Amino acid sequence: MKSRILRSVGALLFFGAILGVAYPLWWQHRQAVDGAQEIRRLSGAVASRCARASSFGPGVLRIPAVAVVAPVLEGTSGAVLAVSVGHDLSSPWPGEHGISILEAHDVGYFASNQLLRSGDVVTYTRACETYVYRVVGHYVLHPGQTITSPGPSGLVLDSCWPTNALWFTPDRLIVTAVLTNVRKIDFFGAVKRAVPLAAQLPRSIPTPPNLFDQGWLAGTLTFTGSPALAWKDGPAPLLWESRGLQAFSALRIAEQTHALWTSVLAPGISIPSIIGEHYSSGTPVNVVEYVKGTKMQSVTVATKIQGVPISVTSTPGAKTLRVIAIHT
């Protein structure tokens, strides 16, 4: 009986460890993709009103020290925090007089906030203005304690502590910063360059189901070739990972019910029937990206289906992603 209990505890710890790795990766993947789309929407909508914009509101938060480029939307509901950093309704917007409070999940945009140091730059861009803040410090806020004001025009970044926690925690990690400069320029061009467009699936193929939402287990994301450091530290890797996973998911559907998709997505490629078979929950899906400088060469998705190893390699065409190889 004792050995059976120990085996059960060991199994729980094992699957808990898997979840501890997979859940943050899944959440960061979701935010990278959905957040990038939100940034591009904000960039176009707000920049077009640049000359006549006067009110404060949604914008883009950048924290270069931890490679964060995030949309900021009104409110802190679950729907808002799923794709963006949320602005606390009880506080002013960044740039206004007073202390602005921005919140995000500890497994998302603010997962590395504990690495920020005094003097690190934080910027907030809206319309024609970029507000430049300098980090004062960070500390853990316990229940019953209050946030220390960093100054008359300050910024507070608020997330759960410890980071990457998979359970409710009453403690908060607080990063405080002070406003040091206001740039009267349109910074959205740079923001757009920081969130590059990744090749889409062909238009005739609807967006397929997200593998992670269907219970597939996130594995590793690795790079080959000679990727530039700026490319690796930006949002591009997760955006391209998303495209590779979409191609893999679309091939599964093509094999199951939409055979005509294969001629569009994978012209001239023989599709093994195993790709459409039942997936065993718990098998990791790994992604390898081959990059030269800042240019994506190919993205390969590899996993096992019913014990059979399978990999799908895609490459960007002029505007769409195309499958060039499938190996079993």
Protein backbone atom coordinates (compact mmCIF):
# COMPACT_ATOMS: atom_id res chain seq x y z
CA MET A 1 0.00 0.00 0.00
CA LYS A 2 2.84 2.39 0.91
CA SER A 3 4.58 1.82 -2.43
CA ARG A 4 1.29 2.40 -4.26
CA ILE A 5 0.83 5.72 -2.45
CA LEU A 6 4.40 6.74 -3.26
CA ARG A 7 3.87 5.87 -6.93
CA SER A 8 0.67 7.95 -6.96
CA VAL A 9 2.43 10.90 -5.35
CA GLY A 10 5.30 10.53 -7.80
CA ALA A 11 2.89 10.53 -10.74
CA LEU A 12 1.19 13.67 -9.44
CA LEU A 13 4.54 15.42 -9.02
CA PHE A 14 5.59 14.35 -12.53
CA PHE A 15 2.45 15.65 -14.20
CA GLY A 16 2.59 18.75 -11.99
CA ALA A 17 6.10 19.40 -13.27
CA ILE A 18 4.92 19.00 -16.88
CA LEU A 19 2.07 21.43 -16.23
CA GLY A 20 4.47 23.83 -14.56
CA VAL A 21 6.43 24.07 -17.81
CA ALA A 22 3.65 23.73 -20.35
CA TYR A 23 1.11 26.19 -18.92
CA PRO A 24 3.40 29.25 -18.85
CA LEU A 25 4.60 28.40 -22.39
CA TRP A 26 1.01 28.03 -23.58
CA TRP A 27 -0.01 31.36 -21.99
CA GLN A 28 3.02 33.24 -23.33
CA HIS A 29 2.36 31.74 -26.78
CA ARG A 30 -1.26 32.92 -26.67
CA GLN A 31 -0.31 36.43 -25.57
CA ALA A 32 2.46 36.73 -28.15
CA VAL A 33 0.06 35.97 -30.99
CA ASP A 34 -3.10 37.75 -29.81
CA GLY A 35 -1.17 40.65 -28.29
CA ALA A 36 0.74 41.27 -31.53
CA GLN A 37 -2.56 41.51 -33.42
CA GLU A 38 -3.85 43.98 -30.82
CA ILE A 39 -0.69 46.10 -31.13
CA ARG A 40 -1.07 46.31 -34.89
CA ARG A 41 -4.72 47.31 -34.45
CA LEU A 42 -3.79 50.02 -31.94
CA SER A 43 -0.93 51.21 -34.13
CA GLY A 44 -3.17 51.76 -37.13
CA ALA A 45 -6.17 53.15 -35.28
CA VAL A 46 -4.31 55.54 -32.98
CA ALA A 47 -1.64 56.69 -35.42
CA SER A 48 -4.34 57.76 -37.90
CA ARG A 49 -5.66 60.19 -35.28
CA CYS A 50 -2.20 61.38 -34.27
CA ALA A 51 -2.56 65.04 -35.17
CA ARG A 52 -5.88 65.55 -33.37
CA ALA A 53 -5.54 63.13 -30.44
CA SER A 54 -5.85 64.81 -27.04
CA SER A 55 -7.21 62.30 -24.52
CA PHE A 56 -5.17 59.66 -22.77
CA GLY A 57 -6.00 56.01 -23.29
CA PRO A 58 -4.90 52.63 -24.68
CA GLY A 59 -1.39 52.35 -26.05
CA VAL A 60 1.73 50.21 -26.22
CA LEU A 61 4.06 49.39 -23.32
CA ARG A 62 7.72 48.62 -24.01
CA ILE A 63 10.25 47.24 -21.49
CA PRO A 64 13.47 46.71 -23.48
CA ALA A 65 15.42 45.11 -20.61
CA VAL A 66 13.09 42.09 -20.65
CA ALA A 67 12.05 42.28 -24.34
CA VAL A 68 8.41 43.19 -23.65
CA VAL A 69 6.24 44.88 -26.26
CA ALA A 70 2.63 44.75 -25.04
CA PRO A 71 -0.72 46.35 -25.83
CA VAL A 72 -2.39 48.14 -22.91
CA LEU A 73 -6.19 48.13 -22.75
CA GLU A 74 -8.74 49.53 -20.34
CA GLY A 75 -9.66 47.35 -17.33
CA THR A 76 -8.30 44.24 -15.66
CA SER A 77 -10.92 41.63 -16.55
CA GLY A 78 -9.92 38.12 -17.54
CA ALA A 79 -10.69 38.86 -21.18
CA VAL A 80 -8.41 41.93 -21.17
CA LEU A 81 -5.50 40.24 -19.36
CA ALA A 82 -5.69 37.26 -21.71
CA VAL A 83 -4.31 39.37 -24.57
CA SER A 84 -2.85 42.52 -23.03
CA VAL A 85 -1.65 44.48 -20.04
CA GLY A 86 -4.62 45.98 -18.20
CA HIS A 87 -5.02 49.55 -16.95
CA ASP A 88 -6.45 49.77 -13.41
CA LEU A 89 -9.63 51.85 -13.68
CA SER A 90 -8.99 53.51 -10.31
CA SER A 91 -5.78 55.12 -11.54
CA PRO A 92 -4.91 57.69 -14.25
CA TRP A 93 -3.53 56.64 -17.62
CA PRO A 94 0.24 56.74 -18.13
CA GLY A 95 1.29 60.33 -18.84
CA GLU A 96 -1.44 61.86 -16.70
CA HIS A 97 -0.74 63.37 -13.30
CA GLY A 98 -0.75 60.77 -10.55
CA ILE A 99 0.24 57.13 -10.22
CA SER A 100 -0.80 54.92 -13.13
CA ILE A 101 -1.23 51.22 -12.31
CA LEU A 102 -0.82 48.58 -15.01
CA GLU A 103 -1.49 44.90 -14.31
CA ALA A 104 -0.62 41.68 -16.13
CA HIS A 105 -0.44 37.97 -15.43
CA ASP A 106 2.77 36.64 -13.92
CA VAL A 107 2.93 33.95 -16.63
CA GLY A 108 2.55 36.52 -19.39
CA TYR A 109 3.98 39.95 -20.14
CA PHE A 110 5.25 40.54 -16.60
CA ALA A 111 6.87 37.08 -16.14
CA SER A 112 10.38 38.62 -15.95
CA ASN A 113 9.64 41.82 -14.04
CA GLN A 114 11.75 40.65 -11.10
CA LEU A 115 14.80 41.08 -13.37
CA LEU A 116 14.24 44.83 -13.76
CA ARG A 117 16.78 47.07 -12.08
CA SER A 118 16.90 50.71 -11.05
CA GLY A 119 17.40 52.88 -14.11
CA ASP A 120 15.85 50.47 -16.65
CA VAL A 121 13.69 52.22 -19.22
CA VAL A 122 9.93 51.69 -19.57
CA THR A 123 8.03 53.54 -22.30
CA TYR A 124 4.35 54.02 -23.00
CA THR A 125 3.27 55.17 -26.46
CA ARG A 126 -0.05 56.60 -27.54
CA ALA A 127 -0.85 58.82 -30.53
CA CYS A 128 2.02 61.30 -31.04
CA GLU A 129 3.57 60.95 -27.59
CA THR A 130 5.89 58.51 -25.90
CA TYR A 131 6.20 58.74 -22.12
CA VAL A 132 9.60 57.64 -20.86
CA TYR A 133 9.88 56.19 -17.35
CA ARG A 134 12.88 55.01 -15.34
CA VAL A 135 12.55 52.10 -12.92
CA VAL A 136 13.04 53.08 -9.28
CA GLY A 137 12.91 49.55 -7.87
CA HIS A 138 10.72 46.54 -7.14
CA TYR A 139 9.42 44.77 -4.05
CA VAL A 140 6.93 42.12 -2.95
CA LEU A 141 3.68 43.53 -1.59
CA HIS A 142 1.98 41.39 1.07
CA PRO A 143 -1.73 41.46 2.02
CA GLY A 144 -2.61 44.56 4.04
CA GLN A 145 0.31 46.61 2.71
CA THR A 146 -0.05 49.60 0.42
CA ILE A 147 1.89 50.59 -2.69
CA THR A 148 4.59 53.20 -2.06
CA SER A 149 4.23 56.18 -4.40
CA PRO A 150 7.25 56.59 -6.71
CA GLY A 151 6.43 60.28 -7.29
CA PRO A 152 3.74 62.69 -8.55
CA SER A 153 3.84 61.21 -12.06
CA GLY A 154 4.72 57.58 -11.61
CA LEU A 155 4.04 54.15 -13.02
CA VAL A 156 3.36 50.90 -11.18
CA LEU A 157 3.63 47.47 -12.84
CA ASP A 158 1.64 44.95 -10.79
CA SER A 159 1.64 41.13 -11.10
CA CYS A 160 1.29 38.04 -8.92
CA TRP A 161 4.27 36.76 -6.95
CA PRO A 162 6.00 34.36 -7.34
CA THR A 163 6.11 34.59 -11.15
CA ASN A 164 4.92 31.62 -13.21
CA ALA A 165 2.77 30.51 -10.27
CA LEU A 166 0.05 28.01 -11.20
CA TRP A 167 -2.01 28.71 -8.10
CA PHE A 168 -3.64 31.69 -6.39
CA THR A 169 -1.15 33.79 -4.49
CA PRO A 170 -2.02 36.82 -2.32
CA ASP A 171 1.40 38.44 -2.79
CA ARG A 172 2.13 40.95 -5.55
CA LEU A 173 5.35 41.91 -7.32
CA ILE A 174 5.41 45.68 -7.61
CA VAL A 175 7.73 47.55 -9.98
CA THR A 176 7.76 51.34 -9.58
CA ALA A 177 9.00 53.89 -12.11
CA VAL A 178 9.05 57.68 -12.48
CA LEU A 179 8.30 59.80 -15.54
CA THR A 180 11.50 61.38 -16.88
CA ASN A 181 10.67 62.54 -20.40
CA VAL A 182 7.90 63.00 -22.95
CA ARG A 183 8.78 62.61 -26.61
CA LYS A 184 6.51 64.48 -29.00
CA ILE A 185 6.93 61.97 -31.80
CA ASP A 186 4.96 59.21 -33.47
CA PHE A 187 6.63 56.06 -32.18
CA PHE A 188 4.19 53.58 -33.70
CA GLY A 189 6.38 52.94 -36.74
CA ALA A 190 9.03 51.49 -34.44
CA VAL A 191 6.40 49.54 -32.55
CA LYS A 192 5.18 47.97 -35.80
CA ARG A 193 8.74 46.97 -36.72
CA ALA A 194 9.08 45.35 -33.29
CA VAL A 195 6.02 43.19 -34.06
CA PRO A 196 6.75 41.78 -37.51
CA LEU A 197 4.11 40.21 -39.70
CA ALA A 198 4.48 36.47 -40.13
CA ALA A 199 3.32 34.65 -43.26
CA GLN A 200 -0.29 33.50 -43.03
CA LEU A 201 -1.92 30.29 -44.18
CA PRO A 202 -3.43 30.48 -47.68
CA ARG A 203 -6.67 32.48 -47.65
CA SER A 204 -8.72 29.50 -48.79
CA ILE A 205 -7.87 27.68 -45.54
CA PRO A 206 -9.76 28.90 -42.43
CA THR A 207 -7.78 29.26 -39.21
CA PRO A 208 -7.53 25.71 -37.81
CA PRO A 209 -8.04 24.77 -34.14
CA ASN A 210 -5.26 25.75 -31.73
CA LEU A 211 -3.41 22.55 -30.79
CA PHE A 212 -2.77 23.70 -27.22
CA ASP A 213 -6.44 24.55 -26.70
CA GLN A 214 -7.21 20.95 -27.74
CA GLY A 215 -4.95 19.47 -25.07
CA TRP A 216 -1.69 19.10 -26.99
CA LEU A 217 1.34 19.54 -24.75
CA ALA A 218 3.76 22.41 -25.44
CA GLY A 219 7.32 21.13 -25.77
CA THR A 220 10.46 23.07 -26.67
CA LEU A 221 11.18 25.96 -29.04
CA THR A 222 14.74 25.96 -30.39
CA PHE A 223 16.67 27.89 -33.03
CA THR A 224 19.14 26.81 -35.69
CA GLY A 225 21.10 28.85 -38.22
CA SER A 226 22.33 32.28 -37.16
CA PRO A 227 19.41 34.25 -35.68
CA ALA A 228 20.12 37.86 -34.66
CA LEU A 229 19.93 38.56 -30.94
CA ALA A 230 17.31 41.27 -31.49
CA TRP A 231 15.19 38.74 -33.40
CA LYS A 232 15.41 36.11 -30.64
CA ASP A 233 14.57 38.64 -27.93
CA GLY A 234 11.51 39.98 -29.76
CA PRO A 235 8.03 38.55 -30.44
CA ALA A 236 8.90 37.05 -33.85
CA PRO A 237 9.87 33.53 -32.62
CA LEU A 238 6.49 32.91 -30.99
CA LEU A 239 4.62 34.38 -33.96
CA TRP A 240 6.41 32.02 -36.36
CA GLU A 241 5.87 29.13 -33.93
CA SER A 242 2.15 29.88 -34.12
CA ARG A 243 2.22 29.76 -37.92
CA GLY A 244 4.05 26.42 -37.95
CA LEU A 245 1.54 24.95 -35.49
CA GLN A 246 -1.33 26.24 -37.62
CA ALA A 247 0.11 24.52 -40.69
CA PHE A 248 0.43 21.27 -38.75
CA SER A 249 -3.15 21.56 -37.43
CA ALA A 250 -4.46 22.36 -40.93
CA LEU A 251 -2.77 19.25 -42.35
CA ARG A 252 -4.51 17.10 -39.73
CA ILE A 253 -7.88 18.50 -40.76
CA ALA A 254 -7.00 18.10 -44.45
CA GLU A 255 -6.26 14.41 -43.91
CA GLN A 256 -9.44 13.91 -41.88
CA THR A 257 -12.09 15.89 -43.79
CA HIS A 258 -10.71 18.49 -46.24
CA ALA A 259 -8.44 16.74 -48.73
CA LEU A 260 -8.50 19.71 -51.12
CA TRP A 261 -6.51 21.78 -48.60
CA THR A 262 -3.39 19.70 -49.23
CA SER A 263 -2.97 20.94 -52.81
CA VAL A 264 -2.99 24.53 -51.53
CA LEU A 265 -0.96 24.14 -48.33
CA ALA A 266 1.40 21.35 -49.37
CA PRO A 267 1.50 21.14 -53.19
CA GLY A 268 3.28 18.05 -54.46
CA ILE A 269 3.81 16.67 -50.95
CA SER A 270 2.60 13.17 -49.99
CA ILE A 271 0.59 13.38 -46.77
CA PRO A 272 0.98 10.31 -44.50
CA SER A 273 -2.34 9.16 -43.10
CA ILE A 274 -0.92 8.99 -39.57
CA ILE A 275 -1.01 12.79 -39.35
CA GLY A 276 -4.81 12.70 -39.05
CA GLU A 277 -4.97 9.95 -36.43
CA HIS A 278 -5.83 10.32 -32.74
CA TYR A 279 -3.30 12.20 -30.64
CA SER A 280 -2.31 10.74 -27.26
CA SER A 281 -2.56 13.41 -24.59
CA GLY A 282 0.75 14.24 -22.93
CA THR A 283 3.01 13.88 -25.97
CA PRO A 284 5.03 17.10 -26.38
CA VAL A 285 5.01 19.13 -29.58
CA ASN A 286 8.45 20.63 -30.32
CA VAL A 287 9.25 23.45 -32.72
CA VAL A 288 12.56 24.24 -34.45
CA GLU A 289 13.05 27.53 -36.29
CA TYR A 290 15.81 27.95 -38.86
CA VAL A 291 16.73 31.62 -39.07
CA LYS A 292 19.43 33.72 -40.76
CA GLY A 293 19.79 37.12 -39.15
CA THR A 294 16.21 38.40 -38.95
CA LYS A 295 14.86 36.30 -41.82
CA MET A 296 12.91 33.13 -41.19
CA GLN A 297 14.01 30.23 -43.41
CA SER A 298 11.76 27.45 -42.12
CA VAL A 299 9.79 26.27 -39.11
CA THR A 300 9.52 22.57 -38.22
CA VAL A 301 6.91 21.05 -35.92
CA ALA A 302 7.80 17.61 -34.53
CA THR A 303 5.82 15.22 -32.32
CA LYS A 304 4.60 11.63 -32.11
CA ILE A 305 1.17 10.39 -33.12
CA GLN A 306 0.33 6.93 -31.80
CA GLY A 307 4.02 6.42 -31.16
CA VAL A 308 5.08 7.31 -34.71
CA PRO A 309 7.51 10.29 -34.96
CA ILE A 310 6.35 12.89 -37.46
CA SER A 311 7.68 16.30 -38.46
CA VAL A 312 6.25 18.99 -40.71
CA THR A 313 8.50 21.70 -42.16
CA SER A 314 7.04 24.92 -43.56
CA THR A 315 8.67 27.89 -45.25
CA PRO A 316 7.37 31.42 -45.91
CA GLY A 317 6.46 32.20 -49.49
CA ALA A 318 5.71 35.65 -50.87
CA LYS A 319 2.77 36.13 -48.48
CA THR A 320 1.72 32.67 -47.35
CA LEU A 321 3.20 29.71 -45.51
CA ARG A 322 3.83 26.57 -47.53
CA VAL A 323 4.63 23.04 -46.31
CA ILE A 324 7.78 21.77 -48.05
CA ALA A 325 8.48 18.48 -46.23
CA ILE A 326 6.80 15.86 -44.04
CA HIS A 327 8.87 13.11 -42.44
CA THR A 328 7.80 10.05 -40.45
